[in-house]
Amino acid sequence: MLEIKRATPEDAQVAFDIRLQAIRSQCIGAYTHEQMMLWTRGKAEDGYGVLMDKLFYLGCIQGEPVATGMLDLDNNEVGALFVLPEFTGRGYGKAMLDHLENVARERAIGAVVLDATLNAATFYRDCGYVGDEQATYHSPSGLALACIPMTKRLSA
């Protein structure tokens, strides 16, 4: 079972590493190798740590972090949903997403949004998210990536 805990600033590196491994293994085919390498360049100290101040969570199995997820209250946005490659397909991404949606409900947020990577859009649709139009996500590092903006209405 996935144990979900709030991340701390000390968790920035492990969260960054989960993100890097997830992108480089799960986005093959959806994005070019060059895009994935640019997307995952740098290190946690380059700014990833500031995300730990948001509602950022780690999903752990026997105390070891295997998944991440974040709820950005400024935008009612789900983000940073990543699972280590060797732990995919076990429901951990869905468990983290359910947790983030419950956190949003507790804060009386009626709908959440996200920018799905091209490879993850089907997963989000299966979880009740709506959106089909392709758009461009502009990362803080300046990288432009194709994405699918999606929305989900949350029941009380």
C-alpha atoms as a PDB file:
ATOM      1  CA  MET A   1       0.000   0.000   0.000  1.00  0.00           C
ATOM      2  CA  LEU A   2       1.200   3.498  -0.821  1.00  0.00           C
ATOM      3  CA  GLU A   3       1.844   5.661   2.240  1.00  0.00           C
ATOM      4  CA  ILE A   4       1.490   9.340   1.328  1.00  0.00           C
ATOM      5  CA  LYS A   5       3.255  12.030   3.324  1.00  0.00           C
ATOM      6  CA  ARG A   6       3.809  15.737   2.926  1.00  0.00           C
ATOM      7  CA  ALA A   7       7.218  16.505   1.436  1.00  0.00           C
ATOM      8  CA  THR A   8       9.729  18.743   3.184  1.00  0.00           C
ATOM      9  CA  PRO A   9      12.511  20.892   1.708  1.00  0.00           C
ATOM     10  CA  GLU A  10      14.901  18.017   2.456  1.00  0.00           C
ATOM     11  CA  ASP A  11      12.894  15.845   0.032  1.00  0.00           C
ATOM     12  CA  ALA A  12      13.598  18.049  -2.990  1.00  0.00           C
ATOM     13  CA  GLN A  13      16.423  15.887  -4.352  1.00  0.00           C
ATOM     14  CA  VAL A  14      14.545  12.593  -4.078  1.00  0.00           C
ATOM     15  CA  ALA A  15      11.454  14.202  -5.670  1.00  0.00           C
ATOM     16  CA  PHE A  16      13.618  15.610  -8.469  1.00  0.00           C
ATOM     17  CA  ASP A  17      15.159  12.173  -9.052  1.00  0.00           C
ATOM     18  CA  ILE A  18      11.730  10.482  -9.256  1.00  0.00           C
ATOM     19  CA  ARG A  19      10.671  13.112 -11.801  1.00  0.00           C
ATOM     20  CA  LEU A  20      13.822  12.631 -13.885  1.00  0.00           C
ATOM     21  CA  GLN A  21      13.532   8.843 -13.998  1.00  0.00           C
ATOM     22  CA  ALA A  22       9.793   8.928 -14.734  1.00  0.00           C
ATOM     23  CA  ILE A  23      10.127  11.391 -17.607  1.00  0.00           C
ATOM     24  CA  ARG A  24      13.084   9.602 -19.181  1.00  0.00           C
ATOM     25  CA  SER A  25      11.379   6.204 -19.104  1.00  0.00           C
ATOM     26  CA  GLN A  26       7.674   6.967 -19.570  1.00  0.00           C
ATOM     27  CA  CYS A  27       7.747   9.777 -22.136  1.00  0.00           C
ATOM     28  CA  ILE A  28       9.635   7.810 -24.790  1.00  0.00           C
ATOM     29  CA  GLY A  29       7.732   8.151 -28.052  1.00  0.00           C
ATOM     30  CA  ALA A  30       5.646  11.085 -26.871  1.00  0.00           C
ATOM     31  CA  TYR A  31       8.629  13.453 -26.866  1.00  0.00           C
ATOM     32  CA  THR A  32      12.027  13.376 -28.533  1.00  0.00           C
ATOM     33  CA  HIS A  33      15.132  12.271 -26.674  1.00  0.00           C
ATOM     34  CA  GLU A  34      16.428  15.836 -26.919  1.00  0.00           C
ATOM     35  CA  GLN A  35      13.227  17.241 -25.372  1.00  0.00           C
ATOM     36  CA  MET A  36      13.369  14.750 -22.498  1.00  0.00           C
ATOM     37  CA  MET A  37      17.019  15.548 -21.800  1.00  0.00           C
ATOM     38  CA  LEU A  38      16.356  19.306 -21.813  1.00  0.00           C
ATOM     39  CA  TRP A  39      13.280  18.813 -19.624  1.00  0.00           C
ATOM     40  CA  THR A  40      15.263  16.865 -17.030  1.00  0.00           C
ATOM     41  CA  ARG A  41      18.525  18.792 -17.063  1.00  0.00           C
ATOM     42  CA  GLY A  42      19.817  20.581 -14.013  1.00  0.00           C
ATOM     43  CA  LYS A  43      19.480  19.600 -10.401  1.00  0.00           C
ATOM     44  CA  ALA A  44      17.068  20.063  -7.539  1.00  0.00           C
ATOM     45  CA  GLU A  45      18.982  23.084  -6.242  1.00  0.00           C
ATOM     46  CA  ASP A  46      18.167  24.907  -9.483  1.00  0.00           C
ATOM     47  CA  GLY A  47      14.674  25.687  -8.198  1.00  0.00           C
ATOM     48  CA  TYR A  48      12.808  22.398  -7.831  1.00  0.00           C
ATOM     49  CA  GLY A  49      13.008  22.735  -4.071  1.00  0.00           C
ATOM     50  CA  VAL A  50      10.599  25.697  -4.027  1.00  0.00           C
ATOM     51  CA  LEU A  51       7.821  23.274  -4.971  1.00  0.00           C
ATOM     52  CA  MET A  52       8.201  21.631  -1.557  1.00  0.00           C
ATOM     53  CA  ASP A  53       6.587  24.760  -0.089  1.00  0.00           C
ATOM     54  CA  LYS A  54       3.393  23.945  -1.975  1.00  0.00           C
ATOM     55  CA  LEU A  55       1.172  20.973  -1.126  1.00  0.00           C
ATOM     56  CA  PHE A  56       3.810  18.534  -2.394  1.00  0.00           C
ATOM     57  CA  TYR A  57       3.610  14.873  -1.417  1.00  0.00           C
ATOM     58  CA  LEU A  58       5.732  11.756  -1.570  1.00  0.00           C
ATOM     59  CA  GLY A  59       4.232   8.308  -1.964  1.00  0.00           C
ATOM     60  CA  CYS A  60       6.293   5.692  -0.159  1.00  0.00           C
ATOM     61  CA  ILE A  61       6.470   1.909  -0.122  1.00  0.00           C
ATOM     62  CA  GLN A  62       8.050   0.574   3.066  1.00  0.00           C
ATOM     63  CA  GLY A  63       9.404   4.057   3.744  1.00  0.00           C
ATOM     64  CA  GLU A  64      11.032   4.477   0.319  1.00  0.00           C
ATOM     65  CA  PRO A  65       9.702   7.272  -1.935  1.00  0.00           C
ATOM     66  CA  VAL A  66       8.394   5.939  -5.252  1.00  0.00           C
ATOM     67  CA  ALA A  67       5.910   8.629  -6.354  1.00  0.00           C
ATOM     68  CA  THR A  68       5.313  12.362  -6.149  1.00  0.00           C
ATOM     69  CA  GLY A  69       2.353  14.659  -6.575  1.00  0.00           C
ATOM     70  CA  MET A  70       1.493  18.283  -5.923  1.00  0.00           C
ATOM     71  CA  LEU A  71      -1.542  20.518  -5.600  1.00  0.00           C
ATOM     72  CA  ASP A  72      -0.909  24.159  -6.491  1.00  0.00           C
ATOM     73  CA  LEU A  73      -3.575  26.117  -4.626  1.00  0.00           C
ATOM     74  CA  ASP A  74      -2.812  29.307  -6.569  1.00  0.00           C
ATOM     75  CA  ASN A  75      -4.139  27.674  -9.744  1.00  0.00           C
ATOM     76  CA  ASN A  76      -6.153  24.688  -8.427  1.00  0.00           C
ATOM     77  CA  GLU A  77      -3.682  22.644 -10.424  1.00  0.00           C
ATOM     78  CA  VAL A  78      -2.524  19.068 -10.024  1.00  0.00           C
ATOM     79  CA  GLY A  79       1.112  18.656 -10.963  1.00  0.00           C
ATOM     80  CA  ALA A  80       4.372  16.789 -10.497  1.00  0.00           C
ATOM     81  CA  LEU A  81       2.597  13.416 -10.639  1.00  0.00           C
ATOM     82  CA  PHE A  82       5.475  11.024 -11.236  1.00  0.00           C
ATOM     83  CA  VAL A  83       6.096   7.361 -10.391  1.00  0.00           C
ATOM     84  CA  LEU A  84       9.446   5.568 -10.515  1.00  0.00           C
ATOM     85  CA  PRO A  85       9.588   3.333 -13.605  1.00  0.00           C
ATOM     86  CA  GLU A  86       9.876   0.070 -11.667  1.00  0.00           C
ATOM     87  CA  PHE A  87       6.707   0.937  -9.701  1.00  0.00           C
ATOM     88  CA  THR A  88       4.394   1.897 -12.577  1.00  0.00           C
ATOM     89  CA  GLY A  89       1.269  -0.108 -13.298  1.00  0.00           C
ATOM     90  CA  ARG A  90       0.595  -0.842  -9.627  1.00  0.00           C
ATOM     91  CA  GLY A  91      -1.964   1.901  -8.978  1.00  0.00           C
ATOM     92  CA  TYR A  92       0.432   4.260  -7.184  1.00  0.00           C
ATOM     93  CA  GLY A  93      -0.137   7.121  -9.625  1.00  0.00           C
ATOM     94  CA  LYS A  94      -3.904   6.733  -9.200  1.00  0.00           C
ATOM     95  CA  ALA A  95      -3.544   6.595  -5.412  1.00  0.00           C
ATOM     96  CA  MET A  96      -1.522   9.823  -5.441  1.00  0.00           C
ATOM     97  CA  LEU A  97      -4.024  11.494  -7.778  1.00  0.00           C
ATOM     98  CA  ASP A  98      -6.905  10.430  -5.529  1.00  0.00           C
ATOM     99  CA  HIS A  99      -5.040  11.904  -2.553  1.00  0.00           C
ATOM    100  CA  LEU A 100      -4.504  15.233  -4.331  1.00  0.00           C
ATOM    101  CA  GLU A 101      -8.173  15.392  -5.334  1.00  0.00           C
ATOM    102  CA  ASN A 102      -9.199  14.704  -1.729  1.00  0.00           C
ATOM    103  CA  VAL A 103      -6.913  17.509  -0.522  1.00  0.00           C
ATOM    104  CA  ALA A 104      -8.625  19.796  -3.053  1.00  0.00           C
ATOM    105  CA  ARG A 105     -12.077  18.714  -1.858  1.00  0.00           C
ATOM    106  CA  GLU A 106     -11.086  19.413   1.771  1.00  0.00           C
ATOM    107  CA  ARG A 107     -10.325  22.970   0.651  1.00  0.00           C
ATOM    108  CA  ALA A 108     -13.707  23.272  -1.112  1.00  0.00           C
ATOM    109  CA  ILE A 109     -12.101  23.389  -4.564  1.00  0.00           C
ATOM    110  CA  GLY A 110     -14.802  22.514  -7.087  1.00  0.00           C
ATOM    111  CA  ALA A 111     -12.552  21.642 -10.016  1.00  0.00           C
ATOM    112  CA  VAL A 112      -8.886  20.979 -10.647  1.00  0.00           C
ATOM    113  CA  VAL A 113      -6.838  21.431 -13.790  1.00  0.00           C
ATOM    114  CA  LEU A 114      -3.628  19.946 -15.134  1.00  0.00           C
ATOM    115  CA  ASP A 115      -1.453  19.877 -18.217  1.00  0.00           C
ATOM    116  CA  ALA A 116      -1.161  16.202 -19.171  1.00  0.00           C
ATOM    117  CA  THR A 117       1.890  14.975 -20.998  1.00  0.00           C
ATOM    118  CA  LEU A 118       0.947  13.314 -24.271  1.00  0.00           C
ATOM    119  CA  ASN A 119       1.729   9.876 -22.870  1.00  0.00           C
ATOM    120  CA  ALA A 120      -0.407  10.430 -19.730  1.00  0.00           C
ATOM    121  CA  ALA A 121      -3.603  11.863 -21.254  1.00  0.00           C
ATOM    122  CA  THR A 122      -5.328   8.461 -21.403  1.00  0.00           C
ATOM    123  CA  PHE A 123      -4.523   7.826 -17.726  1.00  0.00           C
ATOM    124  CA  TYR A 124      -6.101  11.139 -16.745  1.00  0.00           C
ATOM    125  CA  ARG A 125      -9.165  10.539 -18.938  1.00  0.00           C
ATOM    126  CA  ASP A 126      -9.618   7.169 -17.237  1.00  0.00           C
ATOM    127  CA  CYS A 127      -9.556   9.099 -13.930  1.00  0.00           C
ATOM    128  CA  GLY A 128     -12.362  11.439 -15.040  1.00  0.00           C
ATOM    129  CA  TYR A 129     -10.409  14.344 -16.526  1.00  0.00           C
ATOM    130  CA  VAL A 130     -11.731  16.040 -19.646  1.00  0.00           C
ATOM    131  CA  GLY A 131      -9.703  17.645 -22.409  1.00  0.00           C
ATOM    132  CA  ASP A 132      -8.605  16.789 -25.934  1.00  0.00           C
ATOM    133  CA  GLU A 133      -7.090  19.953 -27.397  1.00  0.00           C
ATOM    134  CA  GLN A 134      -3.325  19.924 -27.691  1.00  0.00           C
ATOM    135  CA  ALA A 135      -1.555  23.024 -26.382  1.00  0.00           C
ATOM    136  CA  THR A 136       1.972  24.051 -25.491  1.00  0.00           C
ATOM    137  CA  TYR A 137       3.320  23.932 -21.962  1.00  0.00           C
ATOM    138  CA  HIS A 138       6.059  26.472 -21.274  1.00  0.00           C
ATOM    139  CA  SER A 139       8.317  25.231 -18.499  1.00  0.00           C
ATOM    140  CA  PRO A 140      10.043  27.644 -16.109  1.00  0.00           C
ATOM    141  CA  SER A 141      13.318  26.713 -17.833  1.00  0.00           C
ATOM    142  CA  GLY A 142      11.962  27.962 -21.161  1.00  0.00           C
ATOM    143  CA  LEU A 143      11.285  24.580 -22.752  1.00  0.00           C
ATOM    144  CA  ALA A 144       8.081  24.327 -24.804  1.00  0.00           C
ATOM    145  CA  LEU A 145       6.346  20.930 -24.778  1.00  0.00           C
ATOM    146  CA  ALA A 146       3.104  19.676 -26.278  1.00  0.00           C
ATOM    147  CA  CYS A 147       0.492  18.909 -23.628  1.00  0.00           C
ATOM    148  CA  ILE A 148      -3.233  18.391 -23.171  1.00  0.00           C
ATOM    149  CA  PRO A 149      -4.888  20.828 -20.750  1.00  0.00           C
ATOM    150  CA  MET A 150      -7.496  18.899 -18.736  1.00  0.00           C
ATOM    151  CA  THR A 151     -10.104  19.628 -16.078  1.00  0.00           C
ATOM    152  CA  LYS A 152     -11.992  17.544 -13.551  1.00  0.00           C
ATOM    153  CA  ARG A 153     -15.019  18.631 -11.562  1.00  0.00           C
ATOM    154  CA  LEU A 154     -14.801  17.329  -8.028  1.00  0.00           C
ATOM    155  CA  SER A 155     -17.870  16.111  -6.196  1.00  0.00           C
ATOM    156  CA  ALA A 156     -18.309  17.243  -2.603  1.00  0.00           C
END
